[in-house]
Amino acid sequence: MANADLETPEFIERLRAGDRAAFALVVKHYHPRLLGAARTLLQPADAEEAVQDGWIAAHRALPKFEGRSALLTWLTRIVINQARMQLRKGGREVQFDPTEEGATDALAHRFNANGHWQEPPRAWALSGPDALLTRDELQHCLESHITAMPDNQRLALQLRDIQGLDFDDICNIMDVSASNVRVLLHRARARLFQMVDRFQETGEC
């Protein structure tokens, strides 16, 4: 069954009526995406717990689900709320204010006043016997930089660039405006852009 089939009114009605087979299909298809979202805020074991708690909460709330948002959006918001509850228990909180830390645009110097490239990116191709090692090193750098991002930027990047959710869905999940999501996403991408730039020039993270 395709993910789109899980979002039809007929299928949603089955879920609301308590159809166990339908709920099992939702868990099978959406669990990895929900786990990916939770892992942007929590360590793997804690993320798994947040998702499990999210499934329990969702199962209880399904009879009242009105379909005002996509099922996946609704589930993701439940899981993110569970993750935030875990963070609060541990003395942490996710701040979704995009004006926090460093308001400067990390990519501003790459564009001119008209918005065109002032310093275009160099062509870069991984080839030759060292290509596999270089790709592994780059992957490690990317993972390290994503992990080091502020929670809000990492979550925006996960939901938009990895899971491909619409801005409206991300706004719903994160409870921020579309402009704030764009700021968070831009800053996350800028961090990665700078890292790749440095890796091209020096071969180091």
Protein backbone atom coordinates (compact mmCIF):
# COMPACT_ATOMS: atom_id res chain seq x y z
CA MET A 1 0.00 0.00 0.00
CA ALA A 2 1.34 3.44 -0.95
CA ASN A 3 1.53 6.24 1.62
CA ALA A 4 -1.11 8.18 -0.30
CA ASP A 5 -3.58 5.35 0.31
CA LEU A 6 -3.16 5.88 4.05
CA GLU A 7 -4.46 9.43 3.73
CA THR A 8 -7.77 8.73 1.96
CA PRO A 9 -11.04 9.51 3.78
CA GLU A 10 -12.03 5.85 3.57
CA PHE A 11 -8.84 4.68 5.23
CA ILE A 12 -9.02 7.39 7.90
CA GLU A 13 -12.54 6.25 8.70
CA ARG A 14 -11.25 2.71 9.20
CA LEU A 15 -8.67 4.05 11.64
CA ARG A 16 -11.23 6.09 13.53
CA ALA A 17 -13.43 3.00 13.80
CA GLY A 18 -10.62 1.08 15.48
CA ASP A 19 -9.56 -1.16 12.58
CA ARG A 20 -6.43 -2.90 13.92
CA ALA A 21 -5.19 -3.98 10.50
CA ALA A 22 -5.40 -0.41 9.25
CA PHE A 23 -3.49 0.87 12.29
CA ALA A 24 -0.81 -1.80 11.78
CA LEU A 25 -0.35 -0.59 8.19
CA VAL A 26 0.09 2.99 9.40
CA VAL A 27 2.72 1.87 11.93
CA LYS A 28 4.55 -0.13 9.27
CA HIS A 29 4.66 2.72 6.77
CA TYR A 30 5.17 5.74 9.04
CA HIS A 31 7.28 4.44 11.94
CA PRO A 32 10.65 5.04 10.20
CA ARG A 33 9.74 8.64 9.32
CA LEU A 34 8.51 9.37 12.83
CA LEU A 35 11.66 7.84 14.29
CA GLY A 36 13.76 10.04 12.00
CA ALA A 37 11.93 13.12 13.24
CA ALA A 38 12.33 12.12 16.90
CA ARG A 39 16.04 11.46 16.43
CA THR A 40 16.60 15.09 15.45
CA LEU A 41 15.86 15.95 19.09
CA LEU A 42 16.74 12.81 21.07
CA GLN A 43 19.29 10.05 21.34
CA PRO A 44 18.26 6.83 19.50
CA ALA A 45 16.92 4.94 22.54
CA ASP A 46 14.99 7.99 23.78
CA ALA A 47 13.70 8.64 20.26
CA GLU A 48 12.35 5.10 20.03
CA GLU A 49 10.58 5.60 23.37
CA ALA A 50 9.08 8.90 22.18
CA VAL A 51 7.75 7.26 19.03
CA GLN A 52 6.27 4.35 20.98
CA ASP A 53 4.59 6.81 23.36
CA GLY A 54 3.43 8.74 20.30
CA TRP A 55 1.77 5.64 18.81
CA ILE A 56 -0.04 5.02 22.09
CA ALA A 57 -1.23 8.62 22.26
CA ALA A 58 -2.27 8.56 18.60
CA HIS A 59 -4.20 5.32 18.99
CA ARG A 60 -6.16 6.81 21.88
CA ALA A 61 -6.86 10.04 19.99
CA LEU A 62 -7.73 8.54 16.59
CA PRO A 63 -11.51 8.45 17.16
CA LYS A 64 -11.36 12.25 17.49
CA PHE A 65 -9.03 12.83 14.51
CA GLU A 66 -10.90 15.19 12.18
CA GLY A 67 -8.51 15.12 9.23
CA ARG A 68 -7.80 18.86 9.27
CA SER A 69 -4.18 17.99 8.51
CA ALA A 70 -2.61 14.98 6.82
CA LEU A 71 -2.38 11.89 9.01
CA LEU A 72 1.43 11.92 8.81
CA THR A 73 1.53 15.58 9.87
CA TRP A 74 -0.75 14.84 12.81
CA LEU A 75 1.35 11.83 13.87
CA THR A 76 4.61 13.74 13.52
CA ARG A 77 3.34 16.54 15.71
CA ILE A 78 2.31 14.02 18.38
CA VAL A 79 5.79 12.44 18.30
CA ILE A 80 7.55 15.81 18.41
CA ASN A 81 5.42 16.76 21.41
CA GLN A 82 6.42 13.48 23.09
CA ALA A 83 10.08 14.25 22.34
CA ARG A 84 9.73 17.73 23.79
CA MET A 85 8.16 16.27 26.94
CA GLN A 86 11.19 13.99 27.33
CA LEU A 87 13.52 16.95 26.87
CA ARG A 88 11.66 18.92 29.54
CA LYS A 89 11.97 15.99 31.94
CA GLY A 90 15.70 16.07 31.33
CA GLY A 91 15.89 19.81 31.92
CA ARG A 92 16.02 20.78 28.25
CA GLU A 93 13.58 22.55 25.98
CA VAL A 94 13.46 23.08 22.24
CA GLN A 95 13.34 26.74 21.35
CA PHE A 96 11.77 27.44 17.97
CA ASP A 97 12.83 31.09 17.79
CA PRO A 98 14.76 31.52 14.52
CA THR A 99 16.23 34.81 15.72
CA GLU A 100 18.33 33.00 18.32
CA GLU A 101 22.10 32.76 17.89
CA GLY A 102 23.84 34.64 15.12
CA ALA A 103 21.45 36.56 12.88
CA THR A 104 24.07 37.06 10.17
CA ASP A 105 23.53 35.34 6.84
CA ALA A 106 26.36 32.85 6.35
CA LEU A 107 25.88 32.86 2.57
CA ALA A 108 25.46 36.60 2.03
CA HIS A 109 28.97 37.02 0.65
CA ARG A 110 28.25 34.51 -2.13
CA PHE A 111 25.60 36.73 -3.79
CA ASN A 112 25.53 40.23 -5.26
CA ALA A 113 22.86 42.89 -4.73
CA ASN A 114 20.73 41.36 -7.49
CA GLY A 115 20.70 37.94 -5.85
CA HIS A 116 23.04 36.34 -8.39
CA TRP A 117 26.15 34.33 -7.58
CA GLN A 118 29.06 36.60 -6.76
CA GLU A 119 31.23 33.61 -5.93
CA PRO A 120 29.68 30.56 -7.62
CA PRO A 121 30.30 27.08 -6.20
CA ARG A 122 33.10 25.17 -7.85
CA ALA A 123 32.37 22.05 -9.88
CA TRP A 124 33.19 19.04 -7.77
CA ALA A 125 33.20 15.39 -8.76
CA LEU A 126 34.31 12.45 -6.68
CA SER A 127 36.25 10.07 -8.89
CA GLY A 128 39.32 7.90 -8.78
CA PRO A 129 40.55 5.35 -6.22
CA ASP A 130 40.08 7.68 -3.26
CA ALA A 131 36.46 8.51 -4.12
CA LEU A 132 34.88 5.97 -1.77
CA LEU A 133 36.99 7.08 1.19
CA THR A 134 36.26 10.73 0.40
CA ARG A 135 32.52 10.07 0.25
CA ASP A 136 32.68 8.30 3.62
CA GLU A 137 34.58 11.22 5.14
CA LEU A 138 32.11 13.71 3.71
CA GLN A 139 29.16 11.67 5.02
CA HIS A 140 30.74 11.65 8.47
CA CYS A 141 31.23 15.43 8.30
CA LEU A 142 27.63 15.97 7.25
CA GLU A 143 26.31 13.80 10.08
CA SER A 144 28.53 15.58 12.62
CA HIS A 145 27.43 19.04 11.49
CA ILE A 146 23.76 18.09 11.43
CA THR A 147 24.07 16.68 14.96
CA ALA A 148 25.72 19.91 16.13
CA MET A 149 22.94 22.15 14.76
CA PRO A 150 20.43 23.78 17.11
CA ASP A 151 17.42 21.48 17.57
CA ASN A 152 15.05 23.73 15.65
CA GLN A 153 17.30 23.96 12.58
CA ARG A 154 17.94 20.23 12.56
CA LEU A 155 14.22 19.48 12.80
CA ALA A 156 13.33 21.89 9.99
CA LEU A 157 16.01 20.30 7.79
CA GLN A 158 14.77 16.79 8.59
CA LEU A 159 11.13 17.57 7.89
CA ARG A 160 11.71 19.55 4.68
CA ASP A 161 14.84 18.22 2.96
CA ILE A 162 14.84 14.63 4.17
CA GLN A 163 11.15 13.84 4.60
CA GLY A 164 9.93 16.29 1.96
CA LEU A 165 7.01 17.71 3.93
CA ASP A 166 5.23 20.86 2.75
CA PHE A 167 5.87 24.15 4.55
CA ASP A 168 2.28 24.19 5.85
CA ASP A 169 2.80 20.77 7.43
CA ILE A 170 6.10 21.82 8.98
CA CYS A 171 4.49 24.96 10.39
CA ASN A 172 1.78 22.78 11.91
CA ILE A 173 4.29 20.36 13.43
CA MET A 174 6.69 22.99 14.78
CA ASP A 175 3.97 25.54 15.61
CA VAL A 176 5.82 28.42 13.94
CA SER A 177 5.13 30.65 10.96
CA ALA A 178 6.19 29.84 7.38
CA SER A 179 8.69 32.71 7.44
CA ASN A 180 10.27 31.30 10.60
CA VAL A 181 10.54 27.85 9.02
CA ARG A 182 12.28 29.38 6.00
CA VAL A 183 14.76 31.18 8.25
CA LEU A 184 15.51 27.99 10.18
CA LEU A 185 15.87 26.00 6.99
CA HIS A 186 18.11 28.61 5.39
CA ARG A 187 20.43 28.65 8.38
CA ALA A 188 20.62 24.87 8.48
CA ARG A 189 21.42 24.70 4.77
CA ALA A 190 23.96 27.51 5.14
CA ARG A 191 25.82 25.54 7.82
CA LEU A 192 26.04 22.53 5.51
CA PHE A 193 27.01 24.71 2.55
CA GLN A 194 29.90 26.18 4.52
CA MET A 195 31.00 22.74 5.66
CA VAL A 196 31.04 21.36 2.11
CA ASP A 197 32.90 24.48 0.95
CA ARG A 198 35.57 23.92 3.61
CA PHE A 199 35.77 20.22 2.80
CA GLN A 200 36.37 21.05 -0.87
CA GLU A 201 39.16 23.46 0.00
CA THR A 202 40.90 21.59 2.80
CA GLY A 203 39.60 18.02 2.86
CA GLU A 204 38.70 18.56 6.52
CA CYS A 205 35.47 19.10 8.45
